[in-house]
Amino acid sequence: MNKQLLHVFCIWAFVYPIVTTFLFVIQRLDLSFSLELKSLIMTVILVPLMFFYIVPLVNRLLSNYGD
């Protein structure tokens, strides 16, 4: 498998559960936020998580793959 494709898949595998959990929590709390507010809250959480944790973790995990 192409290393870039594997990288994309791994990042998606970390992001998908976070987005799904966020949407589930919003739904269970019965918060009737607008789509714009949901997106704002989710991106405020997701972007720092990706930048500081998810992408570095995936890079570390894949650093020896295909070398």
Foldseek 3Di string as FASTA:
>chain_A
DDLVVVLVVQLCVVVVVLLVVLVVVCVVVVPPDDPVVSVVVSCVPPVVCCVPPRNVVSCVVCVPPPD
